[in-house]
PDB file of N, CA and C in Angstrom:
ATOM      1  N   MET A   1     -16.417   7.292  -7.177  1.00  0.00           N
ATOM      2  CA  MET A   1     -15.113   6.793  -7.549  1.00  0.00           C
ATOM      3  C   MET A   1     -14.608   7.562  -8.747  1.00  0.00           C
ATOM      4  N   ALA A   2     -13.330   7.830  -8.752  1.00  0.00           N
ATOM      5  CA  ALA A   2     -12.700   8.577  -9.829  1.00  0.00           C
ATOM      6  C   ALA A   2     -12.655   7.747 -11.070  1.00  0.00           C
ATOM      7  N   ARG A   3     -12.729   8.466 -12.207  1.00  0.00           N
ATOM      8  CA  ARG A   3     -12.610   7.809 -13.490  1.00  0.00           C
ATOM      9  C   ARG A   3     -11.232   8.031 -14.026  1.00  0.00           C
ATOM     10  N   PHE A   4     -10.609   6.983 -14.546  1.00  0.00           N
ATOM     11  CA  PHE A   4      -9.238   7.087 -15.053  1.00  0.00           C
ATOM     12  C   PHE A   4      -9.239   6.744 -16.524  1.00  0.00           C
ATOM     13  N   ASN A   5      -8.307   7.378 -17.265  1.00  0.00           N
ATOM     14  CA  ASN A   5      -8.162   7.063 -18.666  1.00  0.00           C
ATOM     15  C   ASN A   5      -7.278   5.877 -18.856  1.00  0.00           C
ATOM     16  N   GLU A   6      -7.069   5.411 -20.039  1.00  0.00           N
ATOM     17  CA  GLU A   6      -6.291   4.181 -20.319  1.00  0.00           C
ATOM     18  C   GLU A   6      -4.854   4.277 -19.810  1.00  0.00           C
ATOM     19  N   ASN A   7      -4.241   5.417 -19.957  1.00  0.00           N
ATOM     20  CA  ASN A   7      -2.875   5.603 -19.499  1.00  0.00           C
ATOM     21  C   ASN A   7      -2.725   5.502 -17.985  1.00  0.00           C
ATOM     22  N   GLN A   8      -3.689   6.106 -17.306  1.00  0.00           N
ATOM     23  CA  GLN A   8      -3.702   6.076 -15.812  1.00  0.00           C
ATOM     24  C   GLN A   8      -3.975   4.670 -15.330  1.00  0.00           C
ATOM     25  N   ILE A   9      -4.844   3.916 -16.006  1.00  0.00           N
ATOM     26  CA  ILE A   9      -5.125   2.553 -15.634  1.00  0.00           C
ATOM     27  C   ILE A   9      -3.863   1.714 -15.805  1.00  0.00           C
ATOM     28  N   SER A  10      -3.093   1.961 -16.886  1.00  0.00           N
ATOM     29  CA  SER A  10      -1.852   1.218 -17.074  1.00  0.00           C
ATOM     30  C   SER A  10      -0.841   1.509 -15.938  1.00  0.00           C
ATOM     31  N   GLU A  11      -0.754   2.749 -15.531  1.00  0.00           N
ATOM     32  CA  GLU A  11       0.162   3.089 -14.414  1.00  0.00           C
ATOM     33  C   GLU A  11      -0.326   2.405 -13.109  1.00  0.00           C
ATOM     34  N   ILE A  12      -1.584   2.365 -12.871  1.00  0.00           N
ATOM     35  CA  ILE A  12      -2.125   1.759 -11.658  1.00  0.00           C
ATOM     36  C   ILE A  12      -1.814   0.248 -11.681  1.00  0.00           C
ATOM     37  N   ASN A  13      -2.053  -0.372 -12.804  1.00  0.00           N
ATOM     38  CA  ASN A  13      -1.805  -1.840 -12.957  1.00  0.00           C
ATOM     39  C   ASN A  13      -0.320  -2.168 -12.822  1.00  0.00           C
ATOM     40  N   LEU A  14       0.562  -1.269 -13.238  1.00  0.00           N
ATOM     41  CA  LEU A  14       1.982  -1.470 -13.107  1.00  0.00           C
ATOM     42  C   LEU A  14       2.384  -1.471 -11.600  1.00  0.00           C
ATOM     43  N   VAL A  15       1.835  -0.565 -10.835  1.00  0.00           N
ATOM     44  CA  VAL A  15       2.132  -0.485  -9.423  1.00  0.00           C
ATOM     45  C   VAL A  15       1.570  -1.737  -8.730  1.00  0.00           C
ATOM     46  N   ILE A  16       0.396  -2.147  -9.089  1.00  0.00           N
ATOM     47  CA  ILE A  16      -0.234  -3.350  -8.474  1.00  0.00           C
ATOM     48  C   ILE A  16       0.627  -4.568  -8.824  1.00  0.00           C
ATOM     49  N   ALA A  17       1.094  -4.653 -10.043  1.00  0.00           N
ATOM     50  CA  ALA A  17       1.929  -5.782 -10.445  1.00  0.00           C
ATOM     51  C   ALA A  17       3.290  -5.791  -9.613  1.00  0.00           C
ATOM     52  N   ASN A  18       3.872  -4.640  -9.401  1.00  0.00           N
ATOM     53  CA  ASN A  18       5.110  -4.542  -8.622  1.00  0.00           C
ATOM     54  C   ASN A  18       4.847  -4.956  -7.172  1.00  0.00           C
ATOM     55  N   ILE A  19       3.744  -4.575  -6.595  1.00  0.00           N
ATOM     56  CA  ILE A  19       3.435  -4.950  -5.224  1.00  0.00           C
ATOM     57  C   ILE A  19       3.169  -6.452  -5.196  1.00  0.00           C
ATOM     58  N   SER A  20       2.440  -6.976  -6.122  1.00  0.00           N
ATOM     59  CA  SER A  20       2.166  -8.435  -6.167  1.00  0.00           C
ATOM     60  C   SER A  20       3.398  -9.228  -6.287  1.00  0.00           C
ATOM     61  N   LYS A  21       4.334  -8.780  -7.079  1.00  0.00           N
ATOM     62  CA  LYS A  21       5.610  -9.478  -7.281  1.00  0.00           C
ATOM     63  C   LYS A  21       6.415  -9.494  -5.972  1.00  0.00           C
ATOM     64  N   ALA A  22       6.440  -8.405  -5.267  1.00  0.00           N
ATOM     65  CA  ALA A  22       7.173  -8.355  -4.030  1.00  0.00           C
ATOM     66  C   ALA A  22       6.528  -9.229  -2.942  1.00  0.00           C
ATOM     67  N   ILE A  23       5.201  -9.282  -2.956  1.00  0.00           N
ATOM     68  CA  ILE A  23       4.468 -10.129  -1.989  1.00  0.00           C
ATOM     69  C   ILE A  23       4.730 -11.580  -2.250  1.00  0.00           C
ATOM     70  N   GLU A  24       4.800 -11.997  -3.488  1.00  0.00           N
ATOM     71  CA  GLU A  24       5.064 -13.419  -3.819  1.00  0.00           C
ATOM     72  C   GLU A  24       6.423 -13.811  -3.337  1.00  0.00           C
ATOM     73  N   LYS A  25       7.408 -12.964  -3.391  1.00  0.00           N
ATOM     74  CA  LYS A  25       8.715 -13.242  -2.899  1.00  0.00           C
ATOM     75  C   LYS A  25       8.808 -13.389  -1.396  1.00  0.00           C
ATOM     76  N   SER A  26       7.925 -12.683  -0.684  1.00  0.00           N
ATOM     77  CA  SER A  26       8.012 -12.709   0.808  1.00  0.00           C
ATOM     78  C   SER A  26       7.487 -13.998   1.357  1.00  0.00           C
ATOM     79  N   GLY A  27       6.446 -14.547   0.782  1.00  0.00           N
ATOM     80  CA  GLY A  27       5.894 -15.818   1.223  1.00  0.00           C
ATOM     81  C   GLY A  27       5.141 -15.767   2.532  1.00  0.00           C
ATOM     82  N   ASN A  28       4.830 -14.618   3.032  1.00  0.00           N
ATOM     83  CA  ASN A  28       4.107 -14.475   4.288  1.00  0.00           C
ATOM     84  C   ASN A  28       2.615 -14.537   3.988  1.00  0.00           C
ATOM     85  N   ALA A  29       1.819 -14.873   5.001  1.00  0.00           N
ATOM     86  CA  ALA A  29       0.387 -15.018   4.796  1.00  0.00           C
ATOM     87  C   ALA A  29      -0.466 -13.846   5.317  1.00  0.00           C
ATOM     88  N   LYS A  30       0.065 -13.070   6.250  1.00  0.00           N
ATOM     89  CA  LYS A  30      -0.705 -12.018   6.857  1.00  0.00           C
ATOM     90  C   LYS A  30      -0.079 -10.653   6.483  1.00  0.00           C
ATOM     91  N   TYR A  31      -0.846  -9.806   5.852  1.00  0.00           N
ATOM     92  CA  TYR A  31      -0.358  -8.511   5.429  1.00  0.00           C
ATOM     93  C   TYR A  31      -1.315  -7.401   5.871  1.00  0.00           C
ATOM     94  N   GLU A  32      -0.709  -6.215   6.135  1.00  0.00           N
ATOM     95  CA  GLU A  32      -1.453  -5.009   6.318  1.00  0.00           C
ATOM     96  C   GLU A  32      -0.973  -4.043   5.294  1.00  0.00           C
ATOM     97  N   ILE A  33      -1.899  -3.326   4.653  1.00  0.00           N
ATOM     98  CA  ILE A  33      -1.549  -2.430   3.598  1.00  0.00           C
ATOM     99  C   ILE A  33      -2.170  -1.061   3.875  1.00  0.00           C
ATOM    100  N   GLY A  34      -1.531  -0.045   3.388  1.00  0.00           N
ATOM    101  CA  GLY A  34      -2.051   1.305   3.579  1.00  0.00           C
ATOM    102  C   GLY A  34      -1.233   2.282   2.747  1.00  0.00           C
ATOM    103  N   SER A  35      -1.584   3.559   2.836  1.00  0.00           N
ATOM    104  CA  SER A  35      -0.783   4.598   2.131  1.00  0.00           C
ATOM    105  C   SER A  35      -0.550   5.701   3.135  1.00  0.00           C
ATOM    106  N   ARG A  36       0.700   6.087   3.158  1.00  0.00           N
ATOM    107  CA  ARG A  36       1.170   7.145   4.073  1.00  0.00           C
ATOM    108  C   ARG A  36       2.593   7.444   3.656  1.00  0.00           C
ATOM    109  N   ASP A  37       3.117   8.648   3.933  1.00  0.00           N
ATOM    110  CA  ASP A  37       4.487   8.947   3.592  1.00  0.00           C
ATOM    111  C   ASP A  37       5.367   8.202   4.640  1.00  0.00           C
ATOM    112  N   LYS A  38       6.548   7.837   4.192  1.00  0.00           N
ATOM    113  CA  LYS A  38       7.436   6.922   4.942  1.00  0.00           C
ATOM    114  C   LYS A  38       7.815   7.459   6.331  1.00  0.00           C
ATOM    115  N   VAL A  39       8.204   8.749   6.411  1.00  0.00           N
ATOM    116  CA  VAL A  39       8.641   9.336   7.651  1.00  0.00           C
ATOM    117  C   VAL A  39       7.501   9.335   8.719  1.00  0.00           C
ATOM    118  N   THR A  40       6.350   9.754   8.264  1.00  0.00           N
ATOM    119  CA  THR A  40       5.207   9.775   9.174  1.00  0.00           C
ATOM    120  C   THR A  40       4.845   8.384   9.614  1.00  0.00           C
ATOM    121  N   LEU A  41       4.792   7.412   8.717  1.00  0.00           N
ATOM    122  CA  LEU A  41       4.447   6.068   9.110  1.00  0.00           C
ATOM    123  C   LEU A  41       5.423   5.476  10.138  1.00  0.00           C
ATOM    124  N   LEU A  42       6.717   5.676   9.895  1.00  0.00           N
ATOM    125  CA  LEU A  42       7.711   5.157  10.794  1.00  0.00           C
ATOM    126  C   LEU A  42       7.601   5.791  12.191  1.00  0.00           C
ATOM    127  N   SER A  43       7.300   7.112  12.187  1.00  0.00           N
ATOM    128  CA  SER A  43       7.065   7.781  13.502  1.00  0.00           C
ATOM    129  C   SER A  43       5.824   7.285  14.183  1.00  0.00           C
ATOM    130  N   LEU A  44       4.776   7.027  13.499  1.00  0.00           N
ATOM    131  CA  LEU A  44       3.526   6.523  14.087  1.00  0.00           C
ATOM    132  C   LEU A  44       3.744   5.121  14.647  1.00  0.00           C
ATOM    133  N   LEU A  45       4.477   4.268  13.881  1.00  0.00           N
ATOM    134  CA  LEU A  45       4.755   2.901  14.393  1.00  0.00           C
ATOM    135  C   LEU A  45       5.593   2.978  15.644  1.00  0.00           C
ATOM    136  N   LYS A  46       6.539   3.873  15.678  1.00  0.00           N
ATOM    137  CA  LYS A  46       7.457   3.960  16.802  1.00  0.00           C
ATOM    138  C   LYS A  46       6.699   4.472  18.031  1.00  0.00           C
ATOM    139  N   ALA A  47       5.883   5.468  17.850  1.00  0.00           N
ATOM    140  CA  ALA A  47       5.132   6.135  18.926  1.00  0.00           C
ATOM    141  C   ALA A  47       4.116   5.161  19.532  1.00  0.00           C
ATOM    142  N   ASN A  48       3.537   4.281  18.699  1.00  0.00           N
ATOM    143  CA  ASN A  48       2.561   3.309  19.179  1.00  0.00           C
ATOM    144  C   ASN A  48       3.211   1.984  19.532  1.00  0.00           C
ATOM    145  N   LYS A  49       4.513   1.901  19.486  1.00  0.00           N
ATOM    146  CA  LYS A  49       5.274   0.678  19.882  1.00  0.00           C
ATOM    147  C   LYS A  49       4.809  -0.501  19.127  1.00  0.00           C
ATOM    148  N   ILE A  50       4.676  -0.332  17.828  1.00  0.00           N
ATOM    149  CA  ILE A  50       4.315  -1.479  16.912  1.00  0.00           C
ATOM    150  C   ILE A  50       5.515  -1.869  16.146  1.00  0.00           C
ATOM    151  N   GLU A  51       5.895  -3.136  16.236  1.00  0.00           N
ATOM    152  CA  GLU A  51       7.050  -3.591  15.528  1.00  0.00           C
ATOM    153  C   GLU A  51       6.618  -4.593  14.503  1.00  0.00           C
ATOM    154  N   ALA A  52       6.657  -4.163  13.238  1.00  0.00           N
ATOM    155  CA  ALA A  52       6.426  -5.044  12.123  1.00  0.00           C
ATOM    156  C   ALA A  52       7.737  -5.675  11.714  1.00  0.00           C
ATOM    157  N   THR A  53       7.769  -6.928  11.391  1.00  0.00           N
ATOM    158  CA  THR A  53       9.004  -7.581  11.045  1.00  0.00           C
ATOM    159  C   THR A  53       9.597  -7.067   9.795  1.00  0.00           C
ATOM    160  N   LYS A  54       8.753  -6.677   8.827  1.00  0.00           N
ATOM    161  CA  LYS A  54       9.236  -6.197   7.548  1.00  0.00           C
ATOM    162  C   LYS A  54       8.303  -5.105   7.064  1.00  0.00           C
ATOM    163  N   LYS A  55       8.878  -4.094   6.402  1.00  0.00           N
ATOM    164  CA  LYS A  55       8.077  -3.011   5.850  1.00  0.00           C
ATOM    165  C   LYS A  55       8.509  -2.821   4.389  1.00  0.00           C
ATOM    166  N   LEU A  56       7.567  -2.811   3.488  1.00  0.00           N
ATOM    167  CA  LEU A  56       7.893  -2.541   2.054  1.00  0.00           C
ATOM    168  C   LEU A  56       7.145  -1.252   1.680  1.00  0.00           C
ATOM    169  N   PHE A  57       7.833  -0.373   0.942  1.00  0.00           N
ATOM    170  CA  PHE A  57       7.277   0.858   0.428  1.00  0.00           C
ATOM    171  C   PHE A  57       7.302   0.913  -1.086  1.00  0.00           C
ATOM    172  N   PHE A  58       6.236   1.403  -1.688  1.00  0.00           N
ATOM    173  CA  PHE A  58       6.108   1.538  -3.119  1.00  0.00           C
ATOM    174  C   PHE A  58       5.657   2.911  -3.464  1.00  0.00           C
ATOM    175  N   SER A  59       6.284   3.543  -4.401  1.00  0.00           N
ATOM    176  CA  SER A  59       5.871   4.896  -4.830  1.00  0.00           C
ATOM    177  C   SER A  59       4.722   4.852  -5.805  1.00  0.00           C
ATOM    178  N   CYS A  60       3.902   5.824  -5.764  1.00  0.00           N
ATOM    179  CA  CYS A  60       2.792   5.967  -6.756  1.00  0.00           C
ATOM    180  C   CYS A  60       2.335   7.418  -6.779  1.00  0.00           C
ATOM    181  N   LYS A  61       1.515   7.715  -7.706  1.00  0.00           N
ATOM    182  CA  LYS A  61       0.984   9.074  -7.767  1.00  0.00           C
ATOM    183  C   LYS A  61      -0.129   9.198  -6.690  1.00  0.00           C
ATOM    184  N   ARG A  62      -0.218  10.358  -6.153  1.00  0.00           N
ATOM    185  CA  ARG A  62      -1.153  10.604  -5.025  1.00  0.00           C
ATOM    186  C   ARG A  62      -2.591  10.168  -5.294  1.00  0.00           C
ATOM    187  N   GLU A  63      -3.085  10.491  -6.535  1.00  0.00           N
ATOM    188  CA  GLU A  63      -4.463  10.175  -6.804  1.00  0.00           C
ATOM    189  C   GLU A  63      -4.712   8.675  -7.002  1.00  0.00           C
ATOM    190  N   TYR A  64      -3.681   7.880  -7.134  1.00  0.00           N
ATOM    191  CA  TYR A  64      -3.857   6.438  -7.300  1.00  0.00           C
ATOM    192  C   TYR A  64      -3.838   5.655  -6.004  1.00  0.00           C
ATOM    193  N   SER A  65      -3.355   6.242  -4.902  1.00  0.00           N
ATOM    194  CA  SER A  65      -3.091   5.484  -3.738  1.00  0.00           C
ATOM    195  C   SER A  65      -4.329   4.770  -3.182  1.00  0.00           C
ATOM    196  N   GLU A  66      -5.452   5.433  -3.103  1.00  0.00           N
ATOM    197  CA  GLU A  66      -6.661   4.824  -2.548  1.00  0.00           C
ATOM    198  C   GLU A  66      -7.153   3.696  -3.422  1.00  0.00           C
ATOM    199  N   VAL A  67      -7.052   3.859  -4.722  1.00  0.00           N
ATOM    200  CA  VAL A  67      -7.519   2.775  -5.663  1.00  0.00           C
ATOM    201  C   VAL A  67      -6.678   1.551  -5.472  1.00  0.00           C
ATOM    202  N   ILE A  68      -5.336   1.688  -5.342  1.00  0.00           N
ATOM    203  CA  ILE A  68      -4.478   0.579  -5.166  1.00  0.00           C
ATOM    204  C   ILE A  68      -4.665  -0.114  -3.839  1.00  0.00           C
ATOM    205  N   VAL A  69      -4.777   0.608  -2.768  1.00  0.00           N
ATOM    206  CA  VAL A  69      -5.033   0.018  -1.471  1.00  0.00           C
ATOM    207  C   VAL A  69      -6.369  -0.700  -1.452  1.00  0.00           C
ATOM    208  N   SER A  70      -7.361  -0.116  -2.034  1.00  0.00           N
ATOM    209  CA  SER A  70      -8.706  -0.728  -2.100  1.00  0.00           C
ATOM    210  C   SER A  70      -8.687  -2.011  -2.855  1.00  0.00           C
ATOM    211  N   HIS A  71      -7.906  -2.062  -3.939  1.00  0.00           N
ATOM    212  CA  HIS A  71      -7.761  -3.311  -4.736  1.00  0.00           C
ATOM    213  C   HIS A  71      -7.257  -4.443  -3.873  1.00  0.00           C
ATOM    214  N   PHE A  72      -6.205  -4.228  -3.114  1.00  0.00           N
ATOM    215  CA  PHE A  72      -5.622  -5.273  -2.289  1.00  0.00           C
ATOM    216  C   PHE A  72      -6.525  -5.638  -1.111  1.00  0.00           C
ATOM    217  N   VAL A  73      -7.276  -4.722  -0.575  1.00  0.00           N
ATOM    218  CA  VAL A  73      -8.173  -4.992   0.519  1.00  0.00           C
ATOM    219  C   VAL A  73      -9.360  -5.793   0.030  1.00  0.00           C
ATOM    220  N   ASN A  74      -9.946  -5.371  -1.090  1.00  0.00           N
ATOM    221  CA  ASN A  74     -11.179  -6.014  -1.564  1.00  0.00           C
ATOM    222  C   ASN A  74     -10.853  -7.316  -2.343  1.00  0.00           C
ATOM    223  N   GLU A  75      -9.854  -7.317  -3.201  1.00  0.00           N
ATOM    224  CA  GLU A  75      -9.586  -8.455  -4.058  1.00  0.00           C
ATOM    225  C   GLU A  75      -8.695  -9.485  -3.418  1.00  0.00           C
ATOM    226  N   LYS A  76      -7.703  -9.093  -2.643  1.00  0.00           N
ATOM    227  CA  LYS A  76      -6.705 -10.022  -2.125  1.00  0.00           C
ATOM    228  C   LYS A  76      -6.947 -10.371  -0.660  1.00  0.00           C
ATOM    229  N   GLY A  77      -7.860  -9.635  -0.023  1.00  0.00           N
ATOM    230  CA  GLY A  77      -8.164  -9.913   1.386  1.00  0.00           C
ATOM    231  C   GLY A  77      -7.146  -9.400   2.409  1.00  0.00           C
ATOM    232  N   PHE A  78      -6.380  -8.396   2.027  1.00  0.00           N
ATOM    233  CA  PHE A  78      -5.448  -7.788   2.973  1.00  0.00           C
ATOM    234  C   PHE A  78      -6.203  -7.002   4.004  1.00  0.00           C
ATOM    235  N   THR A  79      -5.568  -6.681   5.135  1.00  0.00           N
ATOM    236  CA  THR A  79      -6.139  -5.821   6.176  1.00  0.00           C
ATOM    237  C   THR A  79      -5.602  -4.407   5.933  1.00  0.00           C
ATOM    238  N   ARG A  80      -6.533  -3.425   5.990  1.00  0.00           N
ATOM    239  CA  ARG A  80      -6.129  -2.023   5.865  1.00  0.00           C
ATOM    240  C   ARG A  80      -5.513  -1.588   7.219  1.00  0.00           C
ATOM    241  N   ASN A  81      -4.304  -1.077   7.191  1.00  0.00           N
ATOM    242  CA  ASN A  81      -3.611  -0.637   8.382  1.00  0.00           C
ATOM    243  C   ASN A  81      -4.336   0.566   8.965  1.00  0.00           C
ATOM    244  N   LYS A  82      -4.365   0.684  10.270  1.00  0.00           N
ATOM    245  CA  LYS A  82      -5.063   1.804  10.923  1.00  0.00           C
ATOM    246  C   LYS A  82      -4.438   3.162  10.705  1.00  0.00           C
ATOM    247  N   PHE A  83      -3.180   3.228  10.199  1.00  0.00           N
ATOM    248  CA  PHE A  83      -2.509   4.448   9.964  1.00  0.00           C
ATOM    249  C   PHE A  83      -2.634   4.920   8.504  1.00  0.00           C
ATOM    250  N   SER A  84      -3.386   4.172   7.692  1.00  0.00           N
ATOM    251  CA  SER A  84      -3.538   4.514   6.290  1.00  0.00           C
ATOM    252  C   SER A  84      -4.323   5.783   6.094  1.00  0.00           C
ATOM    253  N   ALA A  85      -3.898   6.567   5.058  1.00  0.00           N
ATOM    254  CA  ALA A  85      -4.606   7.810   4.787  1.00  0.00           C
ATOM    255  C   ALA A  85      -4.801   7.907   3.266  1.00  0.00           C
ATOM    256  N   ASN A  86      -5.755   8.708   2.832  1.00  0.00           N
ATOM    257  CA  ASN A  86      -5.968   8.917   1.411  1.00  0.00           C
ATOM    258  C   ASN A  86      -4.971   9.891   0.785  1.00  0.00           C
ATOM    259  N   VAL A  87      -4.827   9.816  -0.490  1.00  0.00           N
ATOM    260  CA  VAL A  87      -3.994  10.768  -1.261  1.00  0.00           C
ATOM    261  C   VAL A  87      -2.598  10.897  -0.714  1.00  0.00           C
ATOM    262  N   GLN A  88      -1.873   9.774  -0.750  1.00  0.00           N
ATOM    263  CA  GLN A  88      -0.492   9.759  -0.277  1.00  0.00           C
ATOM    264  C   GLN A  88       0.417   9.281  -1.375  1.00  0.00           C
ATOM    265  N   GLU A  89       1.709   9.575  -1.279  1.00  0.00           N
ATOM    266  CA  GLU A  89       2.670   9.270  -2.335  1.00  0.00           C
ATOM    267  C   GLU A  89       3.274   7.850  -2.188  1.00  0.00           C
ATOM    268  N   ASN A  90       3.046   7.166  -1.093  1.00  0.00           N
ATOM    269  CA  ASN A  90       3.624   5.827  -0.883  1.00  0.00           C
ATOM    270  C   ASN A  90       2.549   4.835  -0.447  1.00  0.00           C
ATOM    271  N   ILE A  91       2.692   3.629  -0.942  1.00  0.00           N
ATOM    272  CA  ILE A  91       1.921   2.514  -0.480  1.00  0.00           C
ATOM    273  C   ILE A  91       2.878   1.705   0.362  1.00  0.00           C
ATOM    274  N   TYR A  92       2.396   1.208   1.517  1.00  0.00           N
ATOM    275  CA  TYR A  92       3.283   0.363   2.371  1.00  0.00           C
ATOM    276  C   TYR A  92       2.579  -0.892   2.731  1.00  0.00           C
ATOM    277  N   ILE A  93       3.409  -1.918   2.911  1.00  0.00           N
ATOM    278  CA  ILE A  93       2.923  -3.213   3.374  1.00  0.00           C
ATOM    279  C   ILE A  93       3.694  -3.581   4.622  1.00  0.00           C
ATOM    280  N   LEU A  94       3.005  -3.978   5.630  1.00  0.00           N
ATOM    281  CA  LEU A  94       3.608  -4.413   6.870  1.00  0.00           C
ATOM    282  C   LEU A  94       3.284  -5.903   7.063  1.00  0.00           C
ATOM    283  N   PHE A  95       4.317  -6.639   7.479  1.00  0.00           N
ATOM    284  CA  PHE A  95       4.102  -8.058   7.813  1.00  0.00           C
ATOM    285  C   PHE A  95       5.158  -8.545   8.749  1.00  0.00           C
TER     286      PHE A  95
END
């Protein structure tokens, strides 16, 4: 696992807080989370005929994406989406 300095941890926590805030507003119980660029994800969803009712995207630094996704999978009990990839610039939530 990568080691982060205090500034990087603050940036990661800020993204996690933004995602948590958006999730609280939605009020849904079942979430899938992952990291992938927006255009590719939308193409994959369309090609596989998967219709999510809502999609949220959050920007982050590439090296933080896996840590953020892992936090929500391990700590919050979210499901990792099958299209998720490491080292991506966007975190997405499908519900």
